[in-house]
Amino acid sequence: MGIIWALLSVILVSAAQLLLRSAMLTLPAVNDIGTLLWNVLHFQPGTGALLLGLGGYLASMVCWFFALKHLPLAKAYALLSLSYITVWAAALVLQNEAFSWPGLVGVLLVMAGVMTIFAPQRR
């Protein structure tokens, strides 16, 4: 059951990151706080993505809480690192991000780490 909660957290936090990126590209710069607040309070384009992204983070933390009730921290944390892979792949496909070899190397290292942690232990 803990793995299901952890994977749900990965999905939610990955979606939240993509939504927040989209919001930050649409809304005014954060250094112009007055204009940013005006846009958010008047529900200008990007506000919905911002609110959904923040809500996704909150829901992800709730899932993380339940995951930790059933999984050891080392395994839950390893599963959470899958969000790096998910966000990288989704950004390539959905947001037309440029492919980079260092990004692929990072993804492969994360995958190797997760597989190492979940590999059956020999006694």
PDB file of N, CA and C in Angstrom:
ATOM      1  N   MET A   1       0.813  -1.198   0.000  1.00  0.00           N
ATOM      2  CA  MET A   1       0.000   0.000   0.000  1.00  0.00           C
ATOM      3  C   MET A   1       0.859   1.266   0.000  1.00  0.00           C
ATOM      4  N   GLY A   2       1.996   1.219   0.680  1.00  0.00           N
ATOM      5  CA  GLY A   2       2.881   2.374   0.738  1.00  0.00           C
ATOM      6  C   GLY A   2       3.428   2.760  -0.625  1.00  0.00           C
ATOM      7  N   ILE A   3       3.707   1.759  -1.459  1.00  0.00           N
ATOM      8  CA  ILE A   3       4.231   2.048  -2.794  1.00  0.00           C
ATOM      9  C   ILE A   3       3.181   2.797  -3.618  1.00  0.00           C
ATOM     10  N   ILE A   4       1.924   2.420  -3.465  1.00  0.00           N
ATOM     11  CA  ILE A   4       0.855   3.102  -4.204  1.00  0.00           C
ATOM     12  C   ILE A   4       0.784   4.566  -3.786  1.00  0.00           C
ATOM     13  N   TRP A   5       0.850   4.840  -2.478  1.00  0.00           N
ATOM     14  CA  TRP A   5       0.824   6.224  -1.997  1.00  0.00           C
ATOM     15  C   TRP A   5       2.035   6.991  -2.528  1.00  0.00           C
ATOM     16  N   ALA A   6       3.202   6.350  -2.510  1.00  0.00           N
ATOM     17  CA  ALA A   6       4.421   7.020  -2.983  1.00  0.00           C
ATOM     18  C   ALA A   6       4.332   7.318  -4.481  1.00  0.00           C
ATOM     19  N   LEU A   7       3.830   6.378  -5.268  1.00  0.00           N
ATOM     20  CA  LEU A   7       3.710   6.612  -6.706  1.00  0.00           C
ATOM     21  C   LEU A   7       2.657   7.674  -7.015  1.00  0.00           C
ATOM     22  N   LEU A   8       1.592   7.711  -6.242  1.00  0.00           N
ATOM     23  CA  LEU A   8       0.596   8.768  -6.407  1.00  0.00           C
ATOM     24  C   LEU A   8       1.228  10.127  -6.092  1.00  0.00           C
ATOM     25  N   SER A   9       2.066  10.168  -5.077  1.00  0.00           N
ATOM     26  CA  SER A   9       2.784  11.392  -4.738  1.00  0.00           C
ATOM     27  C   SER A   9       3.690  11.818  -5.890  1.00  0.00           C
ATOM     28  N   VAL A  10       4.366  10.853  -6.514  1.00  0.00           N
ATOM     29  CA  VAL A  10       5.241  11.152  -7.649  1.00  0.00           C
ATOM     30  C   VAL A  10       4.435  11.770  -8.790  1.00  0.00           C
ATOM     31  N   ILE A  11       3.288  11.196  -9.087  1.00  0.00           N
ATOM     32  CA  ILE A  11       2.449  11.715 -10.175  1.00  0.00           C
ATOM     33  C   ILE A  11       1.986  13.136  -9.854  1.00  0.00           C
ATOM     34  N   LEU A  12       1.521  13.343  -8.630  1.00  0.00           N
ATOM     35  CA  LEU A  12       1.023  14.663  -8.242  1.00  0.00           C
ATOM     36  C   LEU A  12       2.117  15.724  -8.237  1.00  0.00           C
ATOM     37  N   VAL A  13       3.278  15.397  -7.687  1.00  0.00           N
ATOM     38  CA  VAL A  13       4.342  16.396  -7.609  1.00  0.00           C
ATOM     39  C   VAL A  13       4.907  16.678  -8.998  1.00  0.00           C
ATOM     40  N   SER A  14       4.926  15.685  -9.872  1.00  0.00           N
ATOM     41  CA  SER A  14       5.397  15.907 -11.238  1.00  0.00           C
ATOM     42  C   SER A  14       4.441  16.834 -11.992  1.00  0.00           C
ATOM     43  N   ALA A  15       3.155  16.558 -11.878  1.00  0.00           N
ATOM     44  CA  ALA A  15       2.159  17.428 -12.518  1.00  0.00           C
ATOM     45  C   ALA A  15       2.242  18.835 -11.939  1.00  0.00           C
ATOM     46  N   ALA A  16       2.434  18.940 -10.634  1.00  0.00           N
ATOM     47  CA  ALA A  16       2.533  20.247  -9.982  1.00  0.00           C
ATOM     48  C   ALA A  16       3.724  21.031 -10.524  1.00  0.00           C
ATOM     49  N   GLN A  17       4.859  20.384 -10.691  1.00  0.00           N
ATOM     50  CA  GLN A  17       6.043  21.066 -11.208  1.00  0.00           C
ATOM     51  C   GLN A  17       5.813  21.582 -12.620  1.00  0.00           C
ATOM     52  N   LEU A  18       5.178  20.775 -13.445  1.00  0.00           N
ATOM     53  CA  LEU A  18       4.900  21.207 -14.811  1.00  0.00           C
ATOM     54  C   LEU A  18       3.900  22.364 -14.838  1.00  0.00           C
ATOM     55  N   LEU A  19       2.888  22.298 -13.986  1.00  0.00           N
ATOM     56  CA  LEU A  19       1.910  23.378 -13.911  1.00  0.00           C
ATOM     57  C   LEU A  19       2.548  24.676 -13.402  1.00  0.00           C
ATOM     58  N   LEU A  20       3.409  24.563 -12.409  1.00  0.00           N
ATOM     59  CA  LEU A  20       4.054  25.760 -11.871  1.00  0.00           C
ATOM     60  C   LEU A  20       5.003  26.389 -12.888  1.00  0.00           C
ATOM     61  N   ARG A  21       5.681  25.550 -13.667  1.00  0.00           N
ATOM     62  CA  ARG A  21       6.543  26.083 -14.729  1.00  0.00           C
ATOM     63  C   ARG A  21       5.703  26.845 -15.739  1.00  0.00           C
ATOM     64  N   SER A  22       4.590  26.256 -16.128  1.00  0.00           N
ATOM     65  CA  SER A  22       3.698  26.911 -17.083  1.00  0.00           C
ATOM     66  C   SER A  22       3.178  28.242 -16.525  1.00  0.00           C
ATOM     67  N   ALA A  23       2.809  28.246 -15.256  1.00  0.00           N
ATOM     68  CA  ALA A  23       2.312  29.470 -14.627  1.00  0.00           C
ATOM     69  C   ALA A  23       3.386  30.550 -14.598  1.00  0.00           C
ATOM     70  N   MET A  24       4.601  30.172 -14.268  1.00  0.00           N
ATOM     71  CA  MET A  24       5.666  31.162 -14.156  1.00  0.00           C
ATOM     72  C   MET A  24       6.061  31.727 -15.517  1.00  0.00           C
ATOM     73  N   LEU A  25       5.843  30.964 -16.585  1.00  0.00           N
ATOM     74  CA  LEU A  25       6.119  31.490 -17.922  1.00  0.00           C
ATOM     75  C   LEU A  25       5.014  32.439 -18.385  1.00  0.00           C
ATOM     76  N   THR A  26       3.820  32.298 -17.808  1.00  0.00           N
ATOM     77  CA  THR A  26       2.671  33.101 -18.213  1.00  0.00           C
ATOM     78  C   THR A  26       2.498  34.336 -17.342  1.00  0.00           C
ATOM     79  N   LEU A  27       2.649  34.194 -16.048  1.00  0.00           N
ATOM     80  CA  LEU A  27       2.454  35.307 -15.110  1.00  0.00           C
ATOM     81  C   LEU A  27       3.648  36.265 -15.147  1.00  0.00           C
ATOM     82  N   PRO A  28       3.470  37.501 -14.654  1.00  0.00           N
ATOM     83  CA  PRO A  28       4.589  38.451 -14.595  1.00  0.00           C
ATOM     84  C   PRO A  28       5.689  37.945 -13.652  1.00  0.00           C
ATOM     85  N   ALA A  29       6.859  38.526 -13.810  1.00  0.00           N
ATOM     86  CA  ALA A  29       8.014  38.136 -12.999  1.00  0.00           C
ATOM     87  C   ALA A  29       7.737  38.348 -11.505  1.00  0.00           C
ATOM     88  N   VAL A  30       8.322  37.498 -10.686  1.00  0.00           N
ATOM     89  CA  VAL A  30       8.118  37.559  -9.238  1.00  0.00           C
ATOM     90  C   VAL A  30       8.733  38.828  -8.651  1.00  0.00           C
ATOM     91  N   ASN A  31       9.754  39.373  -9.295  1.00  0.00           N
ATOM     92  CA  ASN A  31      10.371  40.590  -8.745  1.00  0.00           C
ATOM     93  C   ASN A  31       9.453  41.812  -8.875  1.00  0.00           C
ATOM     94  N   ASP A  32       8.406  41.711  -9.684  1.00  0.00           N
ATOM     95  CA  ASP A  32       7.386  42.760  -9.762  1.00  0.00           C
ATOM     96  C   ASP A  32       6.156  42.259  -9.006  1.00  0.00           C
ATOM     97  N   ILE A  33       6.259  42.229  -7.692  1.00  0.00           N
ATOM     98  CA  ILE A  33       5.256  41.577  -6.843  1.00  0.00           C
ATOM     99  C   ILE A  33       3.873  42.217  -6.974  1.00  0.00           C
ATOM    100  N   GLY A  34       3.812  43.522  -7.142  1.00  0.00           N
ATOM    101  CA  GLY A  34       2.518  44.196  -7.273  1.00  0.00           C
ATOM    102  C   GLY A  34       1.753  43.719  -8.507  1.00  0.00           C
ATOM    103  N   THR A  35       2.439  43.674  -9.625  1.00  0.00           N
ATOM    104  CA  THR A  35       1.811  43.221 -10.869  1.00  0.00           C
ATOM    105  C   THR A  35       1.455  41.739 -10.779  1.00  0.00           C
ATOM    106  N   LEU A  36       2.336  40.967 -10.182  1.00  0.00           N
ATOM    107  CA  LEU A  36       2.057  39.535 -10.015  1.00  0.00           C
ATOM    108  C   LEU A  36       0.802  39.325  -9.179  1.00  0.00           C
ATOM    109  N   LEU A  37       0.712  40.011  -8.039  1.00  0.00           N
ATOM    110  CA  LEU A  37      -0.463  39.874  -7.181  1.00  0.00           C
ATOM    111  C   LEU A  37      -1.736  40.343  -7.882  1.00  0.00           C
ATOM    112  N   TRP A  38      -1.644  41.429  -8.634  1.00  0.00           N
ATOM    113  CA  TRP A  38      -2.815  41.913  -9.363  1.00  0.00           C
ATOM    114  C   TRP A  38      -3.293  40.838 -10.345  1.00  0.00           C
ATOM    115  N   ASN A  39      -2.346  40.240 -11.065  1.00  0.00           N
ATOM    116  CA  ASN A  39      -2.701  39.196 -12.033  1.00  0.00           C
ATOM    117  C   ASN A  39      -3.336  37.994 -11.352  1.00  0.00           C
ATOM    118  N   VAL A  40      -2.799  37.596 -10.217  1.00  0.00           N
ATOM    119  CA  VAL A  40      -3.337  36.433  -9.502  1.00  0.00           C
ATOM    120  C   VAL A  40      -4.722  36.748  -8.944  1.00  0.00           C
ATOM    121  N   LEU A  41      -4.870  37.916  -8.330  1.00  0.00           N
ATOM    122  CA  LEU A  41      -6.159  38.283  -7.730  1.00  0.00           C
ATOM    123  C   LEU A  41      -7.256  38.494  -8.771  1.00  0.00           C
ATOM    124  N   HIS A  42      -6.876  38.847  -9.978  1.00  0.00           N
ATOM    125  CA  HIS A  42      -7.857  39.051 -11.052  1.00  0.00           C
ATOM    126  C   HIS A  42      -7.924  37.848 -11.987  1.00  0.00           C
ATOM    127  N   PHE A  43      -7.367  36.753 -11.545  1.00  0.00           N
ATOM    128  CA  PHE A  43      -7.412  35.468 -12.256  1.00  0.00           C
ATOM    129  C   PHE A  43      -7.038  35.602 -13.733  1.00  0.00           C
ATOM    130  N   GLN A  44      -5.890  36.219 -13.958  1.00  0.00           N
ATOM    131  CA  GLN A  44      -5.357  36.365 -15.306  1.00  0.00           C
ATOM    132  C   GLN A  44      -4.761  35.032 -15.768  1.00  0.00           C
ATOM    133  N   PRO A  45      -4.457  34.902 -17.064  1.00  0.00           N
ATOM    134  CA  PRO A  45      -3.873  33.648 -17.554  1.00  0.00           C
ATOM    135  C   PRO A  45      -2.640  33.246 -16.732  1.00  0.00           C
ATOM    136  N   GLY A  46      -2.580  32.000 -16.388  1.00  0.00           N
ATOM    137  CA  GLY A  46      -1.488  31.471 -15.569  1.00  0.00           C
ATOM    138  C   GLY A  46      -1.890  31.262 -14.120  1.00  0.00           C
ATOM    139  N   THR A  47      -2.918  31.972 -13.669  1.00  0.00           N
ATOM    140  CA  THR A  47      -3.347  31.856 -12.274  1.00  0.00           C
ATOM    141  C   THR A  47      -3.894  30.464 -11.980  1.00  0.00           C
ATOM    142  N   GLY A  48      -4.671  29.920 -12.896  1.00  0.00           N
ATOM    143  CA  GLY A  48      -5.225  28.580 -12.700  1.00  0.00           C
ATOM    144  C   GLY A  48      -4.128  27.537 -12.573  1.00  0.00           C
ATOM    145  N   ALA A  49      -3.119  27.629 -13.439  1.00  0.00           N
ATOM    146  CA  ALA A  49      -1.995  26.694 -13.369  1.00  0.00           C
ATOM    147  C   ALA A  49      -1.240  26.846 -12.056  1.00  0.00           C
ATOM    148  N   LEU A  50      -1.084  28.092 -11.602  1.00  0.00           N
ATOM    149  CA  LEU A  50      -0.405  28.346 -10.326  1.00  0.00           C
ATOM    150  C   LEU A  50      -1.160  27.692  -9.174  1.00  0.00           C
ATOM    151  N   LEU A  51      -2.473  27.917  -9.119  1.00  0.00           N
ATOM    152  CA  LEU A  51      -3.271  27.359  -8.024  1.00  0.00           C
ATOM    153  C   LEU A  51      -3.333  25.834  -8.089  1.00  0.00           C
ATOM    154  N   LEU A  52      -3.486  25.289  -9.287  1.00  0.00           N
ATOM    155  CA  LEU A  52      -3.488  23.823  -9.428  1.00  0.00           C
ATOM    156  C   LEU A  52      -2.134  23.233  -9.049  1.00  0.00           C
ATOM    157  N   GLY A  53      -1.057  23.906  -9.435  1.00  0.00           N
ATOM    158  CA  GLY A  53       0.282  23.428  -9.086  1.00  0.00           C
ATOM    159  C   GLY A  53       0.510  23.415  -7.584  1.00  0.00           C
ATOM    160  N   LEU A  54       0.105  24.495  -6.921  1.00  0.00           N
ATOM    161  CA  LEU A  54       0.250  24.549  -5.466  1.00  0.00           C
ATOM    162  C   LEU A  54      -0.630  23.498  -4.781  1.00  0.00           C
ATOM    163  N   GLY A  55      -1.848  23.310  -5.311  1.00  0.00           N
ATOM    164  CA  GLY A  55      -2.730  22.265  -4.783  1.00  0.00           C
ATOM    165  C   GLY A  55      -2.156  20.881  -5.003  1.00  0.00           C
ATOM    166  N   GLY A  56      -1.505  20.686  -6.136  1.00  0.00           N
ATOM    167  CA  GLY A  56      -0.856  19.402  -6.418  1.00  0.00           C
ATOM    168  C   GLY A  56       0.254  19.105  -5.428  1.00  0.00           C
ATOM    169  N   TYR A  57       1.023  20.134  -5.079  1.00  0.00           N
ATOM    170  CA  TYR A  57       2.069  19.949  -4.066  1.00  0.00           C
ATOM    171  C   TYR A  57       1.464  19.573  -2.722  1.00  0.00           C
ATOM    172  N   LEU A  58       0.395  20.237  -2.348  1.00  0.00           N
ATOM    173  CA  LEU A  58      -0.271  19.928  -1.084  1.00  0.00           C
ATOM    174  C   LEU A  58      -0.789  18.492  -1.078  1.00  0.00           C
ATOM    175  N   ALA A  59      -1.463  18.086  -2.143  1.00  0.00           N
ATOM    176  CA  ALA A  59      -1.976  16.714  -2.229  1.00  0.00           C
ATOM    177  C   ALA A  59      -0.833  15.707  -2.224  1.00  0.00           C
ATOM    178  N   SER A  60       0.282  16.059  -2.849  1.00  0.00           N
ATOM    179  CA  SER A  60       1.450  15.180  -2.856  1.00  0.00           C
ATOM    180  C   SER A  60       1.999  14.972  -1.444  1.00  0.00           C
ATOM    181  N   MET A  61       1.997  16.030  -0.644  1.00  0.00           N
ATOM    182  CA  MET A  61       2.485  15.909   0.735  1.00  0.00           C
ATOM    183  C   MET A  61       1.577  15.003   1.565  1.00  0.00           C
ATOM    184  N   VAL A  62       0.279  15.047   1.313  1.00  0.00           N
ATOM    185  CA  VAL A  62      -0.648  14.149   2.010  1.00  0.00           C
ATOM    186  C   VAL A  62      -0.330  12.697   1.627  1.00  0.00           C
ATOM    187  N   CYS A  63      -0.105  12.461   0.344  1.00  0.00           N
ATOM    188  CA  CYS A  63       0.251  11.104  -0.102  1.00  0.00           C
ATOM    189  C   CYS A  63       1.577  10.656   0.507  1.00  0.00           C
ATOM    190  N   TRP A  64       2.514  11.577   0.580  1.00  0.00           N
ATOM    191  CA  TRP A  64       3.825  11.289   1.168  1.00  0.00           C
ATOM    192  C   TRP A  64       3.669  10.873   2.635  1.00  0.00           C
ATOM    193  N   PHE A  65       2.795  11.550   3.358  1.00  0.00           N
ATOM    194  CA  PHE A  65       2.525  11.214   4.751  1.00  0.00           C
ATOM    195  C   PHE A  65       2.051   9.762   4.862  1.00  0.00           C
ATOM    196  N   PHE A  66       1.090   9.366   4.024  1.00  0.00           N
ATOM    197  CA  PHE A  66       0.571   8.000   4.067  1.00  0.00           C
ATOM    198  C   PHE A  66       1.606   6.987   3.570  1.00  0.00           C
ATOM    199  N   ALA A  67       2.417   7.375   2.604  1.00  0.00           N
ATOM    200  CA  ALA A  67       3.464   6.473   2.121  1.00  0.00           C
ATOM    201  C   ALA A  67       4.449   6.150   3.240  1.00  0.00           C
ATOM    202  N   LEU A  68       4.800   7.164   4.024  1.00  0.00           N
ATOM    203  CA  LEU A  68       5.773   6.953   5.099  1.00  0.00           C
ATOM    204  C   LEU A  68       5.215   6.120   6.243  1.00  0.00           C
ATOM    205  N   LYS A  69       3.896   6.002   6.317  1.00  0.00           N
ATOM    206  CA  LYS A  69       3.307   5.129   7.334  1.00  0.00           C
ATOM    207  C   LYS A  69       3.521   3.654   6.981  1.00  0.00           C
ATOM    208  N   HIS A  70       3.758   3.370   5.697  1.00  0.00           N
ATOM    209  CA  HIS A  70       3.855   1.981   5.239  1.00  0.00           C
ATOM    210  C   HIS A  70       5.221   1.596   4.673  1.00  0.00           C
ATOM    211  N   LEU A  71       6.066   2.569   4.377  1.00  0.00           N
ATOM    212  CA  LEU A  71       7.364   2.290   3.760  1.00  0.00           C
ATOM    213  C   LEU A  71       8.498   2.882   4.590  1.00  0.00           C
ATOM    214  N   PRO A  72       9.641   2.215   4.580  1.00  0.00           N
ATOM    215  CA  PRO A  72      10.818   2.845   5.191  1.00  0.00           C
ATOM    216  C   PRO A  72      11.208   4.100   4.389  1.00  0.00           C
ATOM    217  N   LEU A  73      11.772   5.064   5.057  1.00  0.00           N
ATOM    218  CA  LEU A  73      12.119   6.330   4.422  1.00  0.00           C
ATOM    219  C   LEU A  73      13.024   6.137   3.204  1.00  0.00           C
ATOM    220  N   ALA A  74      14.000   5.262   3.289  1.00  0.00           N
ATOM    221  CA  ALA A  74      14.938   5.062   2.175  1.00  0.00           C
ATOM    222  C   ALA A  74      14.217   4.616   0.909  1.00  0.00           C
ATOM    223  N   LYS A  75      13.255   3.739   1.038  1.00  0.00           N
ATOM    224  CA  LYS A  75      12.517   3.267  -0.141  1.00  0.00           C
ATOM    225  C   LYS A  75      11.542   4.327  -0.638  1.00  0.00           C
ATOM    226  N   ALA A  76      10.858   5.000   0.259  1.00  0.00           N
ATOM    227  CA  ALA A  76       9.913   6.039  -0.146  1.00  0.00           C
ATOM    228  C   ALA A  76      10.649   7.182  -0.844  1.00  0.00           C
ATOM    229  N   TYR A  77      11.795   7.557  -0.313  1.00  0.00           N
ATOM    230  CA  TYR A  77      12.563   8.650  -0.907  1.00  0.00           C
ATOM    231  C   TYR A  77      13.065   8.265  -2.289  1.00  0.00           C
ATOM    232  N   ALA A  78      13.464   7.015  -2.446  1.00  0.00           N
ATOM    233  CA  ALA A  78      13.920   6.551  -3.758  1.00  0.00           C
ATOM    234  C   ALA A  78      12.783   6.633  -4.774  1.00  0.00           C
ATOM    235  N   LEU A  79      11.587   6.263  -4.358  1.00  0.00           N
ATOM    236  CA  LEU A  79      10.440   6.360  -5.265  1.00  0.00           C
ATOM    237  C   LEU A  79      10.133   7.814  -5.611  1.00  0.00           C
ATOM    238  N   LEU A  80      10.287   8.703  -4.648  1.00  0.00           N
ATOM    239  CA  LEU A  80      10.032  10.109  -4.900  1.00  0.00           C
ATOM    240  C   LEU A  80      10.986  10.667  -5.954  1.00  0.00           C
ATOM    241  N   SER A  81      12.187  10.118  -6.015  1.00  0.00           N
ATOM    242  CA  SER A  81      13.148  10.598  -7.019  1.00  0.00           C
ATOM    243  C   SER A  81      12.703  10.270  -8.439  1.00  0.00           C
ATOM    244  N   LEU A  82      11.736   9.376  -8.579  1.00  0.00           N
ATOM    245  CA  LEU A  82      11.198   9.089  -9.916  1.00  0.00           C
ATOM    246  C   LEU A  82      10.519  10.315 -10.517  1.00  0.00           C
ATOM    247  N   SER A  83      10.146  11.272  -9.685  1.00  0.00           N
ATOM    248  CA  SER A  83       9.516  12.486 -10.217  1.00  0.00           C
ATOM    249  C   SER A  83      10.493  13.254 -11.105  1.00  0.00           C
ATOM    250  N   TYR A  84      11.812  13.165 -10.843  1.00  0.00           N
ATOM    251  CA  TYR A  84      12.782  13.825 -11.711  1.00  0.00           C
ATOM    252  C   TYR A  84      12.682  13.278 -13.131  1.00  0.00           C
ATOM    253  N   ILE A  85      12.542  11.967 -13.229  1.00  0.00           N
ATOM    254  CA  ILE A  85      12.424  11.328 -14.540  1.00  0.00           C
ATOM    255  C   ILE A  85      11.113  11.721 -15.203  1.00  0.00           C
ATOM    256  N   THR A  86      10.049  11.677 -14.438  1.00  0.00           N
ATOM    257  CA  THR A  86       8.729  11.998 -14.972  1.00  0.00           C
ATOM    258  C   THR A  86       8.672  13.435 -15.482  1.00  0.00           C
ATOM    259  N   VAL A  87       9.177  14.369 -14.706  1.00  0.00           N
ATOM    260  CA  VAL A  87       9.149  15.777 -15.110  1.00  0.00           C
ATOM    261  C   VAL A  87      10.026  15.990 -16.336  1.00  0.00           C
ATOM    262  N   TRP A  88      11.196  15.383 -16.374  1.00  0.00           N
ATOM    263  CA  TRP A  88      12.101  15.533 -17.519  1.00  0.00           C
ATOM    264  C   TRP A  88      11.435  15.019 -18.792  1.00  0.00           C
ATOM    265  N   ALA A  89      10.864  13.818 -18.720  1.00  0.00           N
ATOM    266  CA  ALA A  89      10.228  13.227 -19.903  1.00  0.00           C
ATOM    267  C   ALA A  89       8.993  14.022 -20.321  1.00  0.00           C
ATOM    268  N   ALA A  90       8.175  14.426 -19.361  1.00  0.00           N
ATOM    269  CA  ALA A  90       6.966  15.182 -19.684  1.00  0.00           C
ATOM    270  C   ALA A  90       7.316  16.549 -20.267  1.00  0.00           C
ATOM    271  N   ALA A  91       8.360  17.184 -19.763  1.00  0.00           N
ATOM    272  CA  ALA A  91       8.769  18.481 -20.310  1.00  0.00           C
ATOM    273  C   ALA A  91       9.240  18.329 -21.752  1.00  0.00           C
ATOM    274  N   LEU A  92       9.928  17.235 -22.052  1.00  0.00           N
ATOM    275  CA  LEU A  92      10.358  16.984 -23.432  1.00  0.00           C
ATOM    276  C   LEU A  92       9.159  16.815 -24.356  1.00  0.00           C
ATOM    277  N   VAL A  93       8.184  16.041 -23.911  1.00  0.00           N
ATOM    278  CA  VAL A  93       7.047  15.701 -24.759  1.00  0.00           C
ATOM    279  C   VAL A  93       5.985  16.798 -24.775  1.00  0.00           C
ATOM    280  N   LEU A  94       5.601  17.287 -23.593  1.00  0.00           N
ATOM    281  CA  LEU A  94       4.468  18.205 -23.499  1.00  0.00           C
ATOM    282  C   LEU A  94       4.832  19.680 -23.639  1.00  0.00           C
ATOM    283  N   GLN A  95       6.032  20.038 -23.242  1.00  0.00           N
ATOM    284  CA  GLN A  95       6.392  21.454 -23.238  1.00  0.00           C
ATOM    285  C   GLN A  95       7.520  21.772 -24.213  1.00  0.00           C
ATOM    286  N   ASN A  96       7.835  20.834 -25.095  1.00  0.00           N
ATOM    287  CA  ASN A  96       8.833  21.040 -26.148  1.00  0.00           C
ATOM    288  C   ASN A  96      10.186  21.515 -25.634  1.00  0.00           C
ATOM    289  N   GLU A  97      10.590  20.991 -24.493  1.00  0.00           N
ATOM    290  CA  GLU A  97      11.920  21.301 -23.970  1.00  0.00           C
ATOM    291  C   GLU A  97      12.965  20.652 -24.875  1.00  0.00           C
ATOM    292  N   ALA A  98      14.131  21.243 -24.929  1.00  0.00           N
ATOM    293  CA  ALA A  98      15.204  20.693 -25.744  1.00  0.00           C
ATOM    294  C   ALA A  98      15.826  19.490 -25.037  1.00  0.00           C
ATOM    295  N   PHE A  99      16.092  18.432 -25.787  1.00  0.00           N
ATOM    296  CA  PHE A  99      16.764  17.257 -25.246  1.00  0.00           C
ATOM    297  C   PHE A  99      18.198  17.618 -24.909  1.00  0.00           C
ATOM    298  N   SER A 100      18.699  17.052 -23.807  1.00  0.00           N
ATOM    299  CA  SER A 100      20.115  17.250 -23.468  1.00  0.00           C
ATOM    300  C   SER A 100      20.697  15.925 -22.987  1.00  0.00           C
ATOM    301  N   TRP A 101      21.926  15.678 -23.392  1.00  0.00           N
ATOM    302  CA  TRP A 101      22.601  14.449 -22.959  1.00  0.00           C
ATOM    303  C   TRP A 101      22.859  14.437 -21.458  1.00  0.00           C
ATOM    304  N   PRO A 102      23.252  15.565 -20.855  1.00  0.00           N
ATOM    305  CA  PRO A 102      23.403  15.552 -19.395  1.00  0.00           C
ATOM    306  C   PRO A 102      22.092  15.213 -18.685  1.00  0.00           C
ATOM    307  N   GLY A 103      20.970  15.662 -19.236  1.00  0.00           N
ATOM    308  CA  GLY A 103      19.674  15.308 -18.653  1.00  0.00           C
ATOM    309  C   GLY A 103      19.430  13.814 -18.711  1.00  0.00           C
ATOM    310  N   LEU A 104      19.762  13.201 -19.845  1.00  0.00           N
ATOM    311  CA  LEU A 104      19.600  11.755 -19.985  1.00  0.00           C
ATOM    312  C   LEU A 104      20.511  11.008 -19.021  1.00  0.00           C
ATOM    313  N   VAL A 105      21.734  11.489 -18.856  1.00  0.00           N
ATOM    314  CA  VAL A 105      22.655  10.852 -17.905  1.00  0.00           C
ATOM    315  C   VAL A 105      22.084  10.933 -16.492  1.00  0.00           C
ATOM    316  N   GLY A 106      21.529  12.080 -16.139  1.00  0.00           N
ATOM    317  CA  GLY A 106      20.906  12.232 -14.822  1.00  0.00           C
ATOM    318  C   GLY A 106      19.755  11.269 -14.624  1.00  0.00           C
ATOM    319  N   VAL A 107      18.920  11.117 -15.647  1.00  0.00           N
ATOM    320  CA  VAL A 107      17.798  10.185 -15.579  1.00  0.00           C
ATOM    321  C   VAL A 107      18.311   8.755 -15.387  1.00  0.00           C
ATOM    322  N   LEU A 108      19.338   8.380 -16.117  1.00  0.00           N
ATOM    323  CA  LEU A 108      19.886   7.030 -15.987  1.00  0.00           C
ATOM    324  C   LEU A 108      20.476   6.797 -14.600  1.00  0.00           C
ATOM    325  N   LEU A 109      21.103   7.818 -14.031  1.00  0.00           N
ATOM    326  CA  LEU A 109      21.652   7.678 -12.677  1.00  0.00           C
ATOM    327  C   LEU A 109      20.533   7.523 -11.639  1.00  0.00           C
ATOM    328  N   VAL A 110      19.461   8.285 -11.799  1.00  0.00           N
ATOM    329  CA  VAL A 110      18.324   8.149 -10.879  1.00  0.00           C
ATOM    330  C   VAL A 110      17.736   6.747 -10.996  1.00  0.00           C
ATOM    331  N   MET A 111      17.556   6.276 -12.223  1.00  0.00           N
ATOM    332  CA  MET A 111      17.005   4.929 -12.426  1.00  0.00           C
ATOM    333  C   MET A 111      17.911   3.865 -11.802  1.00  0.00           C
ATOM    334  N   ALA A 112      19.218   4.020 -11.968  1.00  0.00           N
ATOM    335  CA  ALA A 112      20.151   3.051 -11.386  1.00  0.00           C
ATOM    336  C   ALA A 112      20.059   3.065  -9.863  1.00  0.00           C
ATOM    337  N   GLY A 113      19.912   4.240  -9.283  1.00  0.00           N
ATOM    338  CA  GLY A 113      19.781   4.328  -7.832  1.00  0.00           C
ATOM    339  C   GLY A 113      18.511   3.670  -7.322  1.00  0.00           C
ATOM    340  N   VAL A 114      17.398   3.922  -7.995  1.00  0.00           N
ATOM    341  CA  VAL A 114      16.127   3.312  -7.577  1.00  0.00           C
ATOM    342  C   VAL A 114      16.199   1.801  -7.716  1.00  0.00           C
ATOM    343  N   MET A 115      16.771   1.325  -8.825  1.00  0.00           N
ATOM    344  CA  MET A 115      16.876  -0.124  -9.021  1.00  0.00           C
ATOM    345  C   MET A 115      17.793  -0.755  -7.981  1.00  0.00           C
ATOM    346  N   THR A 116      18.841  -0.039  -7.581  1.00  0.00           N
ATOM    347  CA  THR A 116      19.741  -0.563  -6.552  1.00  0.00           C
ATOM    348  C   THR A 116      19.028  -0.671  -5.213  1.00  0.00           C
ATOM    349  N   ILE A 117      18.248   0.321  -4.862  1.00  0.00           N
ATOM    350  CA  ILE A 117      17.557   0.300  -3.569  1.00  0.00           C
ATOM    351  C   ILE A 117      16.493  -0.782  -3.536  1.00  0.00           C
ATOM    352  N   PHE A 118      15.819  -1.029  -4.670  1.00  0.00           N
ATOM    353  CA  PHE A 118      14.748  -2.013  -4.703  1.00  0.00           C
ATOM    354  C   PHE A 118      15.211  -3.388  -5.176  1.00  0.00           C
ATOM    355  N   ALA A 119      16.487  -3.563  -5.404  1.00  0.00           N
ATOM    356  CA  ALA A 119      16.992  -4.875  -5.819  1.00  0.00           C
ATOM    357  C   ALA A 119      16.825  -5.863  -4.670  1.00  0.00           C
ATOM    358  N   PRO A 120      16.498  -7.099  -5.001  1.00  0.00           N
ATOM    359  CA  PRO A 120      16.370  -8.099  -3.939  1.00  0.00           C
ATOM    360  C   PRO A 120      17.699  -8.260  -3.203  1.00  0.00           C
ATOM    361  N   GLN A 121      17.618  -8.371  -1.899  1.00  0.00           N
ATOM    362  CA  GLN A 121      18.833  -8.508  -1.101  1.00  0.00           C
ATOM    363  C   GLN A 121      19.227  -9.970  -1.021  1.00  0.00           C
ATOM    364  N   ARG A 122      20.500 -10.209  -1.234  1.00  0.00           N
ATOM    365  CA  ARG A 122      21.024 -11.576  -1.128  1.00  0.00           C
ATOM    366  C   ARG A 122      21.567 -11.788   0.274  1.00  0.00           C
ATOM    367  N   ARG A 123      21.297 -12.967   0.776  1.00  0.00           N
ATOM    368  CA  ARG A 123      21.757 -13.258   2.152  1.00  0.00           C
ATOM    369  C   ARG A 123      22.768 -14.346   2.149  1.00  0.00           C
TER     370      ARG A 123
END
